[in-house]
Amino acid sequence: MGKKSEPEISDRKKGENWTRITFKLDLARFNLTHLERDVVALMRKRAFDVAAKLGEAVNVVLDSQRLSVKNFANYVNWHIISAKKNRPVQELPRICETVNDHWEVCVNLSEGQFEQVIFMKHKLSKQ
């Protein structure tokens, strides 16, 4: 892990204003032939976390698809749908509230067993 290659930095076209960050995992270095499904799922979740946190300000693209998580309520819906996996999604009562300029909260019933997911969206104040 002490060795690294130089980053590839290319000039942007005039008028473009964006940054792309990519990585290629060296599986052999970690004695792996592939990534486990749960590791890939965690990486995908983190991409959705970033998209939810950054909202409309930044487009997050995963596997060549733009993630459509643009606000907190949409992020909560994504969690509920992904938790259902292949089961039909039944709408359960939920309350989403913007408490103030800094906090958004959502409470939703769960089916069968207790499930808890906490995501706090805190907006930094301008100074």
N, C-alpha and C. Protein backbone atom coordinates (compact mmCIF):
# COMPACT_ATOMS: atom_id res chain seq x y z
N MET A 1 0.83 -1.18 0.00
CA MET A 1 0.00 0.00 0.00
C MET A 1 0.87 1.25 0.00
N GLY A 2 2.18 1.07 0.14
CA GLY A 2 3.06 2.22 0.18
C GLY A 2 3.37 2.77 -1.20
N LYS A 3 3.04 2.03 -2.24
CA LYS A 3 3.31 2.50 -3.60
C LYS A 3 2.03 2.97 -4.25
N LYS A 4 2.14 4.02 -5.01
CA LYS A 4 0.98 4.51 -5.75
C LYS A 4 1.45 5.05 -7.08
N SER A 5 0.56 5.04 -8.03
CA SER A 5 0.89 5.60 -9.33
C SER A 5 0.45 7.06 -9.35
N GLU A 6 0.97 7.77 -10.30
CA GLU A 6 0.58 9.17 -10.45
C GLU A 6 -0.87 9.25 -10.91
N PRO A 7 -1.60 10.23 -10.42
CA PRO A 7 -2.99 10.38 -10.87
C PRO A 7 -3.04 10.81 -12.34
N GLU A 8 -4.11 10.44 -13.00
CA GLU A 8 -4.33 10.89 -14.37
C GLU A 8 -5.21 12.13 -14.31
N ILE A 9 -4.65 13.25 -14.65
CA ILE A 9 -5.38 14.51 -14.62
C ILE A 9 -5.41 15.06 -16.03
N SER A 10 -6.61 15.30 -16.53
CA SER A 10 -6.73 15.83 -17.88
C SER A 10 -7.42 17.19 -17.84
N ASP A 11 -7.11 17.99 -18.84
CA ASP A 11 -7.74 19.30 -18.93
C ASP A 11 -9.21 19.16 -19.27
N ARG A 12 -10.00 20.06 -18.74
CA ARG A 12 -11.42 20.05 -19.05
C ARG A 12 -11.67 20.90 -20.29
N LYS A 13 -12.78 20.63 -20.92
CA LYS A 13 -13.17 21.45 -22.07
C LYS A 13 -13.65 22.80 -21.56
N LYS A 14 -13.48 23.79 -22.35
CA LYS A 14 -13.90 25.14 -21.96
C LYS A 14 -15.40 25.13 -21.65
N GLY A 15 -15.77 25.71 -20.52
CA GLY A 15 -17.17 25.79 -20.12
C GLY A 15 -17.63 24.64 -19.24
N GLU A 16 -16.84 23.56 -19.15
CA GLU A 16 -17.22 22.44 -18.29
C GLU A 16 -16.80 22.72 -16.86
N ASN A 17 -17.61 22.31 -15.93
CA ASN A 17 -17.30 22.53 -14.53
C ASN A 17 -17.72 21.29 -13.75
N TRP A 18 -16.87 20.28 -13.70
CA TRP A 18 -17.17 19.04 -12.98
C TRP A 18 -15.88 18.31 -12.65
N THR A 19 -16.00 17.36 -11.75
CA THR A 19 -14.87 16.52 -11.34
C THR A 19 -15.34 15.07 -11.38
N ARG A 20 -14.52 14.20 -11.91
CA ARG A 20 -14.81 12.76 -11.91
C ARG A 20 -13.77 12.07 -11.05
N ILE A 21 -14.25 11.24 -10.15
CA ILE A 21 -13.37 10.45 -9.30
C ILE A 21 -13.66 8.98 -9.58
N THR A 22 -12.66 8.25 -9.98
CA THR A 22 -12.81 6.82 -10.23
C THR A 22 -11.69 6.08 -9.52
N PHE A 23 -11.91 4.80 -9.29
CA PHE A 23 -10.84 3.99 -8.73
C PHE A 23 -10.95 2.59 -9.31
N LYS A 24 -9.81 1.94 -9.35
CA LYS A 24 -9.74 0.55 -9.80
C LYS A 24 -9.10 -0.23 -8.66
N LEU A 25 -9.85 -1.15 -8.10
CA LEU A 25 -9.37 -1.94 -6.98
C LEU A 25 -8.44 -3.04 -7.48
N ASP A 26 -7.28 -3.15 -6.86
CA ASP A 26 -6.31 -4.19 -7.19
C ASP A 26 -6.65 -5.42 -6.36
N LEU A 27 -7.54 -6.27 -6.88
CA LEU A 27 -8.01 -7.44 -6.14
C LEU A 27 -6.86 -8.37 -5.75
N ALA A 28 -5.91 -8.56 -6.65
CA ALA A 28 -4.80 -9.47 -6.38
C ALA A 28 -3.99 -9.02 -5.16
N ARG A 29 -3.85 -7.74 -4.96
CA ARG A 29 -3.11 -7.21 -3.82
C ARG A 29 -3.73 -7.67 -2.49
N PHE A 30 -5.05 -7.85 -2.50
CA PHE A 30 -5.76 -8.27 -1.30
C PHE A 30 -6.10 -9.76 -1.33
N ASN A 31 -5.45 -10.49 -2.24
CA ASN A 31 -5.68 -11.93 -2.40
C ASN A 31 -7.15 -12.25 -2.66
N LEU A 32 -7.76 -11.44 -3.48
CA LEU A 32 -9.17 -11.64 -3.83
C LEU A 32 -9.31 -11.88 -5.32
N THR A 33 -10.33 -12.63 -5.69
CA THR A 33 -10.65 -12.79 -7.11
C THR A 33 -11.88 -11.97 -7.47
N HIS A 34 -12.67 -11.62 -6.45
CA HIS A 34 -13.87 -10.81 -6.67
C HIS A 34 -14.28 -10.18 -5.34
N LEU A 35 -15.15 -9.21 -5.41
CA LEU A 35 -15.70 -8.60 -4.20
C LEU A 35 -16.97 -9.33 -3.80
N GLU A 36 -17.14 -9.55 -2.51
CA GLU A 36 -18.36 -10.18 -2.01
C GLU A 36 -19.55 -9.26 -2.27
N ARG A 37 -20.72 -9.86 -2.39
CA ARG A 37 -21.93 -9.09 -2.67
C ARG A 37 -22.22 -8.05 -1.60
N ASP A 38 -21.97 -8.39 -0.33
CA ASP A 38 -22.26 -7.43 0.73
C ASP A 38 -21.32 -6.23 0.70
N VAL A 39 -20.08 -6.43 0.26
CA VAL A 39 -19.14 -5.32 0.12
C VAL A 39 -19.58 -4.40 -1.01
N VAL A 40 -19.98 -4.99 -2.13
CA VAL A 40 -20.48 -4.19 -3.26
C VAL A 40 -21.73 -3.44 -2.85
N ALA A 41 -22.62 -4.09 -2.11
CA ALA A 41 -23.85 -3.43 -1.65
C ALA A 41 -23.53 -2.25 -0.75
N LEU A 42 -22.54 -2.40 0.12
CA LEU A 42 -22.14 -1.30 0.99
C LEU A 42 -21.57 -0.13 0.18
N MET A 43 -20.76 -0.44 -0.82
CA MET A 43 -20.22 0.62 -1.69
C MET A 43 -21.33 1.35 -2.43
N ARG A 44 -22.30 0.59 -2.92
CA ARG A 44 -23.44 1.21 -3.61
C ARG A 44 -24.22 2.10 -2.64
N LYS A 45 -24.43 1.63 -1.41
CA LYS A 45 -25.15 2.42 -0.42
C LYS A 45 -24.41 3.74 -0.16
N ARG A 46 -23.11 3.67 -0.05
CA ARG A 46 -22.33 4.89 0.19
C ARG A 46 -22.50 5.89 -0.96
N ALA A 47 -22.60 5.41 -2.19
CA ALA A 47 -22.83 6.31 -3.32
C ALA A 47 -24.19 6.99 -3.17
N PHE A 48 -25.22 6.24 -2.74
CA PHE A 48 -26.54 6.83 -2.51
C PHE A 48 -26.49 7.81 -1.34
N ASP A 49 -25.71 7.50 -0.30
CA ASP A 49 -25.55 8.41 0.83
C ASP A 49 -24.99 9.76 0.36
N VAL A 50 -23.97 9.69 -0.49
CA VAL A 50 -23.35 10.91 -1.02
C VAL A 50 -24.36 11.69 -1.86
N ALA A 51 -25.10 10.99 -2.71
CA ALA A 51 -26.10 11.67 -3.55
C ALA A 51 -27.15 12.35 -2.69
N ALA A 52 -27.59 11.70 -1.63
CA ALA A 52 -28.60 12.29 -0.75
C ALA A 52 -28.05 13.50 -0.01
N LYS A 53 -26.83 13.40 0.44
CA LYS A 53 -26.23 14.49 1.20
C LYS A 53 -25.99 15.72 0.33
N LEU A 54 -25.55 15.51 -0.91
CA LEU A 54 -25.22 16.63 -1.78
C LEU A 54 -26.44 17.19 -2.51
N GLY A 55 -27.50 16.38 -2.63
CA GLY A 55 -28.76 16.86 -3.21
C GLY A 55 -28.62 17.36 -4.64
N GLU A 56 -29.29 18.46 -4.92
CA GLU A 56 -29.33 19.02 -6.27
C GLU A 56 -27.99 19.62 -6.71
N ALA A 57 -27.10 19.87 -5.75
CA ALA A 57 -25.86 20.57 -6.06
C ALA A 57 -24.90 19.74 -6.92
N VAL A 58 -24.97 18.40 -6.81
CA VAL A 58 -24.01 17.53 -7.48
C VAL A 58 -24.73 16.34 -8.08
N ASN A 59 -24.35 15.96 -9.30
CA ASN A 59 -24.86 14.73 -9.91
C ASN A 59 -23.92 13.60 -9.54
N VAL A 60 -24.45 12.55 -8.93
CA VAL A 60 -23.66 11.39 -8.58
C VAL A 60 -24.02 10.29 -9.57
N VAL A 61 -23.01 9.69 -10.19
CA VAL A 61 -23.20 8.66 -11.20
C VAL A 61 -22.55 7.38 -10.69
N LEU A 62 -23.29 6.29 -10.76
CA LEU A 62 -22.79 4.98 -10.34
C LEU A 62 -23.06 3.99 -11.46
N ASP A 63 -22.04 3.29 -11.89
CA ASP A 63 -22.17 2.32 -12.99
C ASP A 63 -22.85 2.95 -14.20
N SER A 64 -22.41 4.15 -14.55
CA SER A 64 -22.90 4.90 -15.72
C SER A 64 -24.34 5.36 -15.61
N GLN A 65 -24.92 5.29 -14.42
CA GLN A 65 -26.29 5.75 -14.22
C GLN A 65 -26.31 6.85 -13.17
N ARG A 66 -26.98 7.94 -13.50
CA ARG A 66 -27.13 9.04 -12.56
C ARG A 66 -28.09 8.63 -11.44
N LEU A 67 -27.68 8.80 -10.21
CA LEU A 67 -28.54 8.44 -9.08
C LEU A 67 -29.57 9.54 -8.87
N SER A 68 -30.81 9.13 -8.73
CA SER A 68 -31.90 10.10 -8.67
C SER A 68 -32.30 10.48 -7.25
N VAL A 69 -31.40 10.30 -6.31
CA VAL A 69 -31.68 10.68 -4.92
C VAL A 69 -31.34 12.15 -4.77
N LYS A 70 -32.36 12.99 -4.74
CA LYS A 70 -32.11 14.43 -4.75
C LYS A 70 -32.58 15.14 -3.49
N ASN A 71 -33.27 14.42 -2.60
CA ASN A 71 -33.68 15.05 -1.35
C ASN A 71 -33.86 13.97 -0.30
N PHE A 72 -34.09 14.39 0.92
CA PHE A 72 -34.15 13.47 2.04
C PHE A 72 -35.30 12.47 1.92
N ALA A 73 -36.49 12.95 1.56
CA ALA A 73 -37.65 12.05 1.42
C ALA A 73 -37.38 10.99 0.34
N ASN A 74 -36.75 11.38 -0.75
CA ASN A 74 -36.41 10.45 -1.82
C ASN A 74 -35.41 9.40 -1.33
N TYR A 75 -34.47 9.82 -0.49
CA TYR A 75 -33.48 8.92 0.10
C TYR A 75 -34.17 7.90 1.01
N VAL A 76 -35.11 8.36 1.82
CA VAL A 76 -35.86 7.46 2.70
C VAL A 76 -36.62 6.43 1.85
N ASN A 77 -37.26 6.88 0.79
CA ASN A 77 -38.00 5.96 -0.10
C ASN A 77 -37.06 4.92 -0.69
N TRP A 78 -35.85 5.33 -1.10
CA TRP A 78 -34.89 4.39 -1.66
C TRP A 78 -34.54 3.31 -0.63
N HIS A 79 -34.34 3.71 0.63
CA HIS A 79 -34.04 2.74 1.69
C HIS A 79 -35.18 1.74 1.86
N ILE A 80 -36.39 2.23 1.86
CA ILE A 80 -37.55 1.35 2.06
C ILE A 80 -37.68 0.36 0.91
N ILE A 81 -37.54 0.83 -0.30
CA ILE A 81 -37.65 -0.03 -1.48
C ILE A 81 -36.52 -1.06 -1.50
N SER A 82 -35.27 -0.64 -1.22
CA SER A 82 -34.16 -1.58 -1.26
C SER A 82 -34.23 -2.59 -0.12
N ALA A 83 -34.84 -2.22 1.01
CA ALA A 83 -35.01 -3.16 2.12
C ALA A 83 -35.99 -4.26 1.76
N LYS A 84 -36.92 -3.97 0.87
CA LYS A 84 -37.94 -4.95 0.46
C LYS A 84 -37.37 -6.00 -0.48
N LYS A 85 -36.24 -5.70 -1.09
CA LYS A 85 -35.60 -6.56 -2.07
C LYS A 85 -36.60 -6.97 -3.15
N ASN A 86 -36.97 -8.22 -3.22
CA ASN A 86 -37.87 -8.68 -4.28
C ASN A 86 -39.32 -8.77 -3.84
N ARG A 87 -39.59 -8.35 -2.60
CA ARG A 87 -40.97 -8.38 -2.12
C ARG A 87 -41.72 -7.15 -2.63
N PRO A 88 -43.03 -7.25 -2.80
CA PRO A 88 -43.78 -6.08 -3.24
C PRO A 88 -43.71 -4.98 -2.18
N VAL A 89 -43.62 -3.76 -2.65
CA VAL A 89 -43.53 -2.62 -1.74
C VAL A 89 -44.92 -2.21 -1.32
N GLN A 90 -45.16 -2.24 -0.03
CA GLN A 90 -46.43 -1.77 0.51
C GLN A 90 -46.16 -0.44 1.18
N GLU A 91 -46.93 0.56 0.81
CA GLU A 91 -46.76 1.87 1.43
C GLU A 91 -47.22 1.81 2.88
N LEU A 92 -46.36 2.16 3.77
CA LEU A 92 -46.68 2.22 5.19
C LEU A 92 -46.67 3.69 5.62
N PRO A 93 -47.45 3.99 6.66
CA PRO A 93 -47.49 5.39 7.11
C PRO A 93 -46.10 5.90 7.48
N ARG A 94 -45.84 7.13 7.10
CA ARG A 94 -44.57 7.74 7.45
C ARG A 94 -44.76 9.24 7.63
N ILE A 95 -43.92 9.80 8.43
CA ILE A 95 -43.94 11.25 8.65
C ILE A 95 -42.54 11.77 8.36
N CYS A 96 -42.43 12.69 7.43
CA CYS A 96 -41.17 13.36 7.14
C CYS A 96 -41.35 14.83 7.46
N GLU A 97 -40.41 15.38 8.16
CA GLU A 97 -40.55 16.76 8.62
C GLU A 97 -39.22 17.48 8.50
N THR A 98 -39.27 18.68 7.97
CA THR A 98 -38.11 19.56 8.01
C THR A 98 -38.24 20.35 9.29
N VAL A 99 -37.38 20.06 10.24
CA VAL A 99 -37.46 20.67 11.57
C VAL A 99 -37.06 22.13 11.52
N ASN A 100 -35.96 22.41 10.86
CA ASN A 100 -35.48 23.78 10.68
C ASN A 100 -34.49 23.76 9.52
N ASP A 101 -33.71 24.81 9.40
CA ASP A 101 -32.75 24.87 8.29
C ASP A 101 -31.64 23.83 8.39
N HIS A 102 -31.54 23.17 9.54
CA HIS A 102 -30.43 22.25 9.76
C HIS A 102 -30.82 20.78 9.81
N TRP A 103 -32.09 20.45 10.13
CA TRP A 103 -32.45 19.06 10.38
C TRP A 103 -33.69 18.63 9.63
N GLU A 104 -33.63 17.41 9.07
CA GLU A 104 -34.78 16.74 8.48
C GLU A 104 -34.91 15.37 9.15
N VAL A 105 -36.14 14.96 9.42
CA VAL A 105 -36.40 13.71 10.14
C VAL A 105 -37.52 12.96 9.45
N CYS A 106 -37.43 11.63 9.42
CA CYS A 106 -38.51 10.81 8.87
C CYS A 106 -38.69 9.59 9.76
N VAL A 107 -39.95 9.31 10.11
CA VAL A 107 -40.30 8.13 10.90
C VAL A 107 -41.27 7.30 10.07
N ASN A 108 -41.00 6.00 9.98
CA ASN A 108 -41.79 5.11 9.14
C ASN A 108 -42.03 3.81 9.89
N LEU A 109 -43.23 3.25 9.78
CA LEU A 109 -43.50 1.93 10.35
C LEU A 109 -42.71 0.88 9.58
N SER A 110 -42.37 -0.21 10.25
CA SER A 110 -41.71 -1.32 9.56
C SER A 110 -42.61 -2.54 9.65
N GLU A 111 -42.43 -3.47 8.71
CA GLU A 111 -43.23 -4.69 8.67
C GLU A 111 -42.56 -5.79 9.47
N GLY A 112 -43.33 -6.47 10.30
CA GLY A 112 -42.85 -7.67 10.97
C GLY A 112 -41.87 -7.42 12.09
N GLN A 113 -40.66 -7.05 11.76
CA GLN A 113 -39.64 -6.89 12.78
C GLN A 113 -39.19 -5.43 12.85
N PHE A 114 -38.59 -5.09 13.96
CA PHE A 114 -38.10 -3.74 14.16
C PHE A 114 -36.90 -3.49 13.26
N GLU A 115 -36.92 -2.41 12.53
CA GLU A 115 -35.80 -2.00 11.71
C GLU A 115 -35.50 -0.55 12.01
N GLN A 116 -34.23 -0.22 12.05
CA GLN A 116 -33.87 1.16 12.35
C GLN A 116 -32.77 1.60 11.40
N VAL A 117 -32.99 2.70 10.74
CA VAL A 117 -31.98 3.33 9.91
C VAL A 117 -31.96 4.79 10.31
N ILE A 118 -30.80 5.30 10.62
CA ILE A 118 -30.69 6.70 11.01
C ILE A 118 -29.81 7.41 10.00
N PHE A 119 -30.34 8.49 9.46
CA PHE A 119 -29.57 9.34 8.58
C PHE A 119 -29.92 10.76 8.96
N MET A 120 -28.92 11.51 9.33
CA MET A 120 -29.15 12.90 9.71
C MET A 120 -28.59 13.78 8.63
N LYS A 121 -29.40 14.68 8.18
CA LYS A 121 -28.95 15.64 7.19
C LYS A 121 -28.78 16.96 7.90
N HIS A 122 -27.55 17.37 8.03
CA HIS A 122 -27.24 18.61 8.72
C HIS A 122 -26.63 19.58 7.73
N LYS A 123 -27.25 20.72 7.59
CA LYS A 123 -26.75 21.73 6.67
C LYS A 123 -25.84 22.68 7.43
N LEU A 124 -24.67 22.92 6.88
CA LEU A 124 -23.76 23.85 7.51
C LEU A 124 -24.21 25.27 7.24
N SER A 125 -24.11 26.10 8.23
CA SER A 125 -24.50 27.51 8.05
C SER A 125 -23.35 28.27 7.42
N LYS A 126 -23.71 29.26 6.62
CA LYS A 126 -22.70 30.10 5.96
C LYS A 126 -22.15 31.09 6.99
N GLN A 127 -20.85 31.31 6.92
CA GLN A 127 -20.26 32.24 7.88
C GLN A 127 -19.63 33.39 7.18
